[in-house]
Amino acid sequence: MLIDPGTMLALANDRRRELIAEADRERLLTSARLARNALAVRGQPDGTLTSCELSAAVPAQ
């Protein structure tokens, strides 16, 4: 079966555009996930190792 070269080129270009659009969607979703995770982590403390004793800043006299 012979396919017209113009049709073959159109099919190849369509597939290329689909792959580019899919990659763009994946990049957008990845950046959205990273941004959401960064916001969630920003509100949490840095770690669990904190001082047990209470301390307060006292102004110098």
Protein backbone atom coordinates (compact mmCIF):
# COMPACT_ATOMS: atom_id res chain seq x y z
CA MET A 1 0.00 0.00 0.00
CA LEU A 2 1.42 3.37 -0.99
CA ILE A 3 0.83 6.48 1.07
CA ASP A 4 1.06 9.93 -0.44
CA PRO A 5 4.22 11.71 0.82
CA GLY A 6 2.16 14.79 1.73
CA THR A 7 -0.18 12.68 3.86
CA MET A 8 2.76 10.94 5.53
CA LEU A 9 4.36 14.31 6.33
CA ALA A 10 1.07 15.61 7.75
CA LEU A 11 0.73 12.51 9.95
CA ALA A 12 4.31 12.87 11.18
CA ASN A 13 3.80 16.56 11.96
CA ASP A 14 0.55 15.84 13.81
CA ARG A 15 2.27 13.18 15.92
CA ARG A 16 5.15 15.54 16.68
CA ARG A 17 2.70 18.23 17.83
CA GLU A 18 0.92 15.69 20.04
CA LEU A 19 4.22 14.66 21.66
CA ILE A 20 5.20 18.29 22.27
CA ALA A 21 1.79 19.06 23.81
CA GLU A 22 2.05 15.99 26.05
CA ALA A 23 5.51 17.04 27.23
CA ASP A 24 4.23 20.57 27.93
CA ARG A 25 1.35 19.19 30.00
CA GLU A 26 3.74 16.98 31.96
CA ARG A 27 6.07 19.91 32.68
CA LEU A 28 3.13 22.05 33.79
CA LEU A 29 1.81 19.34 36.12
CA THR A 30 5.29 18.73 37.55
CA SER A 31 5.84 22.42 38.26
CA ALA A 32 2.38 22.68 39.87
CA ARG A 33 3.13 19.67 42.10
CA LEU A 34 6.49 21.12 43.12
CA ALA A 35 4.91 24.49 43.91
CA ARG A 36 2.17 22.84 45.97
CA ASN A 37 4.73 20.77 47.90
CA ALA A 38 6.90 23.84 48.50
CA LEU A 39 3.92 25.67 50.01
CA ALA A 40 3.05 22.69 52.21
CA VAL A 41 6.62 22.34 53.49
CA ARG A 42 7.04 26.08 54.10
CA GLY A 43 4.48 26.02 56.93
CA GLN A 44 6.12 23.15 58.81
CA PRO A 45 9.06 23.39 61.22
CA ASP A 46 12.52 22.64 59.88
CA GLY A 47 13.09 19.59 62.04
CA THR A 48 12.23 17.75 65.24
CA LEU A 49 15.42 18.61 67.15
CA THR A 50 14.51 21.61 69.28
CA SER A 51 15.61 22.80 72.65
CA CYS A 52 13.69 21.38 75.62
CA GLU A 53 14.33 24.32 77.91
CA LEU A 54 12.28 27.46 77.75
CA SER A 55 14.17 30.61 76.94
CA ALA A 56 13.16 34.20 76.63
CA ALA A 57 14.94 37.24 75.35
CA VAL A 58 15.59 39.71 78.15
CA PRO A 59 16.42 43.29 77.24
CA ALA A 60 19.79 44.54 78.44
CA GLN A 61 19.63 46.97 81.41
